[in-house]
Every structure is written in structure tokens, then in C-alpha cells.
Amino acid sequence: NSRALAESMALKNCGQRAKDCEVIVWYDRRCGAVSADQGSGVYWGVAETASQANGIAKNQCVKGGGKGCEVKVSQCSR
């Protein structure tokens, strides 16, 4: 219900899998998506719809030189 709580939960969940977690993007009443390439590249997109956010995230990956770019997760906050 708040940005602070969302960031805290994200860091807690990430911390179970990694040690270098940080919040790098925030959105409210929009949709966000995260894409990754076959290496260690991670990219995101934020837009009005999930499909738009997915497209932005994947395009950012391709523009960044990623190979095998794939959307890993998307979520809308309403």
C-alpha cells in the first residue's frame, strides 16, 4: 500500500537470492516489465499497459545489445 513497503518487500525477496540488491525503477498506477538477455543484462519498461511495458523492456534489451532478450516478468499497479 506504500512505496516504502513495496521497496522493502522487493529488497527482502531479492536478498534471498542475491547480495547486491537495489531498487532501480518505481511505478504507480502503471505497468512495469523486466526483460533479460542470455548474459547478465537486465532492462525494464514502464507504460500504461502490460503489453506496452513488455515491448519497451524488450526493445531496451535489444538496443542495449542483448542477445536472446526475453520478458521475464510484468505487473500492473492499479
N, C-alpha and C. Protein backbone atom coordinates (compact mmCIF):
# COMPACT_ATOMS: atom_id res chain seq x y z
N ASN A 1 0.80 -1.21 0.00
CA ASN A 1 0.00 0.00 0.00
C ASN A 1 0.84 1.27 0.00
N SER A 2 2.16 1.13 0.03
CA SER A 2 3.02 2.31 0.01
C SER A 2 4.32 1.98 -0.74
N ARG A 3 4.97 3.02 -1.20
CA ARG A 3 6.23 2.82 -1.89
C ARG A 3 7.27 2.19 -0.96
N ALA A 4 7.34 2.68 0.27
CA ALA A 4 8.32 2.15 1.22
C ALA A 4 8.11 0.66 1.46
N LEU A 5 6.86 0.24 1.63
CA LEU A 5 6.57 -1.17 1.86
C LEU A 5 6.90 -2.01 0.62
N ALA A 6 6.56 -1.49 -0.56
CA ALA A 6 6.86 -2.21 -1.79
C ALA A 6 8.37 -2.38 -1.97
N GLU A 7 9.12 -1.32 -1.73
CA GLU A 7 10.58 -1.40 -1.87
C GLU A 7 11.17 -2.35 -0.83
N SER A 8 10.66 -2.32 0.38
CA SER A 8 11.15 -3.20 1.43
C SER A 8 10.92 -4.66 1.06
N MET A 9 9.72 -4.96 0.55
CA MET A 9 9.40 -6.34 0.17
C MET A 9 10.25 -6.79 -1.02
N ALA A 10 10.44 -5.90 -1.99
CA ALA A 10 11.27 -6.23 -3.15
C ALA A 10 12.70 -6.54 -2.72
N LEU A 11 13.25 -5.74 -1.85
CA LEU A 11 14.62 -5.96 -1.37
C LEU A 11 14.73 -7.24 -0.55
N LYS A 12 13.71 -7.52 0.24
CA LYS A 12 13.69 -8.75 1.03
C LYS A 12 13.67 -9.97 0.11
N ASN A 13 12.79 -9.96 -0.89
CA ASN A 13 12.70 -11.08 -1.83
C ASN A 13 14.00 -11.24 -2.62
N CYS A 14 14.55 -10.15 -3.08
CA CYS A 14 15.80 -10.20 -3.83
C CYS A 14 16.93 -10.72 -2.94
N GLY A 15 16.96 -10.27 -1.70
CA GLY A 15 18.01 -10.64 -0.77
C GLY A 15 18.09 -12.14 -0.50
N GLN A 16 17.01 -12.87 -0.79
CA GLN A 16 17.02 -14.32 -0.63
C GLN A 16 17.80 -14.99 -1.76
N ARG A 17 18.07 -14.23 -2.83
CA ARG A 17 18.75 -14.80 -3.99
C ARG A 17 20.07 -14.11 -4.35
N ALA A 18 20.26 -12.89 -3.86
CA ALA A 18 21.45 -12.11 -4.24
C ALA A 18 21.86 -11.22 -3.08
N LYS A 19 23.07 -10.68 -3.17
CA LYS A 19 23.57 -9.81 -2.10
C LYS A 19 23.67 -8.35 -2.53
N ASP A 20 23.53 -8.07 -3.82
CA ASP A 20 23.72 -6.71 -4.31
C ASP A 20 22.41 -6.09 -4.81
N CYS A 21 21.35 -6.26 -4.06
CA CYS A 21 20.02 -5.80 -4.46
C CYS A 21 19.88 -4.29 -4.30
N GLU A 22 19.14 -3.70 -5.23
CA GLU A 22 18.79 -2.29 -5.12
C GLU A 22 17.52 -2.04 -5.94
N VAL A 23 16.75 -1.08 -5.54
CA VAL A 23 15.55 -0.68 -6.28
C VAL A 23 16.02 0.27 -7.38
N ILE A 24 15.68 -0.07 -8.64
CA ILE A 24 16.14 0.76 -9.75
C ILE A 24 15.00 1.38 -10.53
N VAL A 25 13.79 0.96 -10.30
CA VAL A 25 12.65 1.56 -11.00
C VAL A 25 11.42 1.47 -10.11
N TRP A 26 10.56 2.46 -10.24
CA TRP A 26 9.34 2.54 -9.44
C TRP A 26 8.21 3.00 -10.34
N TYR A 27 7.02 2.44 -10.16
CA TYR A 27 5.85 2.91 -10.91
C TYR A 27 4.61 2.80 -10.06
N ASP A 28 3.65 3.66 -10.31
CA ASP A 28 2.40 3.70 -9.57
C ASP A 28 1.27 3.92 -10.56
N ARG A 29 0.26 3.08 -10.49
CA ARG A 29 -0.89 3.13 -11.39
C ARG A 29 -0.47 3.03 -12.86
N ARG A 30 0.54 2.21 -13.09
CA ARG A 30 1.05 1.94 -14.43
C ARG A 30 1.46 0.48 -14.48
N CYS A 31 2.06 0.08 -15.55
CA CYS A 31 2.53 -1.28 -15.71
C CYS A 31 4.05 -1.28 -15.91
N GLY A 32 4.70 -2.27 -15.35
CA GLY A 32 6.14 -2.39 -15.49
C GLY A 32 6.50 -3.79 -15.96
N ALA A 33 7.61 -3.88 -16.67
CA ALA A 33 8.11 -5.18 -17.15
C ALA A 33 9.62 -5.20 -17.05
N VAL A 34 10.16 -6.39 -16.86
CA VAL A 34 11.60 -6.60 -16.80
C VAL A 34 11.97 -7.65 -17.84
N SER A 35 12.96 -7.33 -18.65
CA SER A 35 13.47 -8.30 -19.61
C SER A 35 14.94 -8.56 -19.29
N ALA A 36 15.42 -9.69 -19.78
CA ALA A 36 16.82 -10.06 -19.57
C ALA A 36 17.35 -10.70 -20.84
N ASP A 37 18.67 -10.64 -20.97
CA ASP A 37 19.29 -11.30 -22.11
C ASP A 37 19.95 -12.59 -21.62
N GLN A 38 20.66 -13.25 -22.50
CA GLN A 38 21.29 -14.52 -22.13
C GLN A 38 22.48 -14.32 -21.20
N GLY A 39 22.98 -13.10 -21.10
CA GLY A 39 24.07 -12.80 -20.19
C GLY A 39 23.54 -12.29 -18.87
N SER A 40 24.08 -11.17 -18.42
CA SER A 40 23.66 -10.61 -17.14
C SER A 40 22.90 -9.30 -17.30
N GLY A 41 22.52 -8.95 -18.54
CA GLY A 41 21.81 -7.70 -18.77
C GLY A 41 20.36 -7.77 -18.33
N VAL A 42 19.92 -6.72 -17.64
CA VAL A 42 18.53 -6.61 -17.20
C VAL A 42 18.02 -5.24 -17.61
N TYR A 43 16.81 -5.20 -18.15
CA TYR A 43 16.24 -3.98 -18.70
C TYR A 43 14.78 -3.89 -18.27
N TRP A 44 14.23 -2.68 -18.25
CA TRP A 44 12.85 -2.52 -17.82
C TRP A 44 12.12 -1.52 -18.68
N GLY A 45 10.79 -1.59 -18.57
CA GLY A 45 9.92 -0.64 -19.26
C GLY A 45 8.72 -0.34 -18.39
N VAL A 46 8.22 0.88 -18.46
CA VAL A 46 7.04 1.31 -17.72
C VAL A 46 6.10 1.98 -18.71
N ALA A 47 4.81 1.63 -18.66
CA ALA A 47 3.84 2.19 -19.61
C ALA A 47 2.42 2.05 -19.06
N GLU A 48 1.46 2.44 -19.86
CA GLU A 48 0.05 2.39 -19.45
C GLU A 48 -0.52 0.97 -19.46
N THR A 49 -0.01 0.10 -20.33
CA THR A 49 -0.50 -1.28 -20.41
C THR A 49 0.67 -2.25 -20.28
N ALA A 50 0.33 -3.50 -19.91
CA ALA A 50 1.36 -4.53 -19.78
C ALA A 50 2.04 -4.80 -21.11
N SER A 51 1.27 -4.84 -22.19
CA SER A 51 1.88 -5.13 -23.49
C SER A 51 2.84 -4.01 -23.91
N GLN A 52 2.49 -2.76 -23.61
CA GLN A 52 3.40 -1.65 -23.92
C GLN A 52 4.67 -1.75 -23.08
N ALA A 53 4.52 -2.03 -21.79
CA ALA A 53 5.68 -2.16 -20.90
C ALA A 53 6.58 -3.32 -21.35
N ASN A 54 5.96 -4.43 -21.76
CA ASN A 54 6.73 -5.57 -22.26
C ASN A 54 7.54 -5.17 -23.49
N GLY A 55 6.89 -4.47 -24.41
CA GLY A 55 7.57 -4.03 -25.63
C GLY A 55 8.73 -3.10 -25.34
N ILE A 56 8.54 -2.16 -24.43
CA ILE A 56 9.61 -1.22 -24.07
C ILE A 56 10.78 -1.98 -23.44
N ALA A 57 10.48 -2.87 -22.50
CA ALA A 57 11.54 -3.63 -21.83
C ALA A 57 12.33 -4.46 -22.83
N LYS A 58 11.64 -5.13 -23.73
CA LYS A 58 12.34 -5.96 -24.72
C LYS A 58 13.15 -5.09 -25.68
N ASN A 59 12.57 -3.97 -26.11
CA ASN A 59 13.30 -3.06 -27.01
C ASN A 59 14.55 -2.49 -26.34
N GLN A 60 14.46 -2.16 -25.05
CA GLN A 60 15.62 -1.66 -24.32
C GLN A 60 16.73 -2.70 -24.30
N CYS A 61 16.35 -3.95 -24.14
CA CYS A 61 17.31 -5.04 -24.13
C CYS A 61 18.01 -5.14 -25.49
N VAL A 62 17.23 -5.11 -26.55
CA VAL A 62 17.80 -5.19 -27.90
C VAL A 62 18.71 -3.99 -28.17
N LYS A 63 18.24 -2.79 -27.82
CA LYS A 63 19.06 -1.58 -28.00
C LYS A 63 20.35 -1.66 -27.21
N GLY A 64 20.32 -2.32 -26.06
CA GLY A 64 21.49 -2.45 -25.21
C GLY A 64 22.44 -3.54 -25.69
N GLY A 65 22.10 -4.16 -26.81
CA GLY A 65 22.98 -5.18 -27.37
C GLY A 65 22.74 -6.58 -26.84
N GLY A 66 21.63 -6.75 -26.12
CA GLY A 66 21.33 -8.07 -25.56
C GLY A 66 21.03 -9.10 -26.63
N LYS A 67 21.39 -10.32 -26.36
CA LYS A 67 21.11 -11.46 -27.25
C LYS A 67 20.11 -12.37 -26.56
N GLY A 68 19.09 -12.78 -27.29
CA GLY A 68 18.08 -13.66 -26.70
C GLY A 68 17.22 -12.94 -25.68
N CYS A 69 16.90 -11.68 -25.93
CA CYS A 69 16.12 -10.87 -24.99
C CYS A 69 14.73 -11.49 -24.78
N GLU A 70 14.33 -11.53 -23.52
CA GLU A 70 13.06 -12.14 -23.16
C GLU A 70 12.47 -11.43 -21.95
N VAL A 71 11.16 -11.14 -22.01
CA VAL A 71 10.49 -10.54 -20.85
C VAL A 71 10.34 -11.62 -19.79
N LYS A 72 10.82 -11.34 -18.61
CA LYS A 72 10.79 -12.31 -17.51
C LYS A 72 9.58 -12.13 -16.59
N VAL A 73 9.16 -10.87 -16.44
CA VAL A 73 8.02 -10.61 -15.56
C VAL A 73 7.40 -9.26 -15.93
N SER A 74 6.08 -9.18 -15.77
CA SER A 74 5.41 -7.88 -15.92
C SER A 74 4.27 -7.83 -14.91
N GLN A 75 3.95 -6.61 -14.47
CA GLN A 75 2.94 -6.43 -13.44
C GLN A 75 2.34 -5.04 -13.59
N CYS A 76 1.05 -4.94 -13.34
CA CYS A 76 0.39 -3.63 -13.36
C CYS A 76 -0.05 -3.25 -11.96
N SER A 77 0.07 -1.98 -11.65
CA SER A 77 -0.33 -1.42 -10.37
C SER A 77 -1.54 -0.54 -10.62
N ARG A 78 -2.66 -0.90 -10.09
CA ARG A 78 -3.89 -0.12 -10.34
C ARG A 78 -4.53 0.32 -9.07
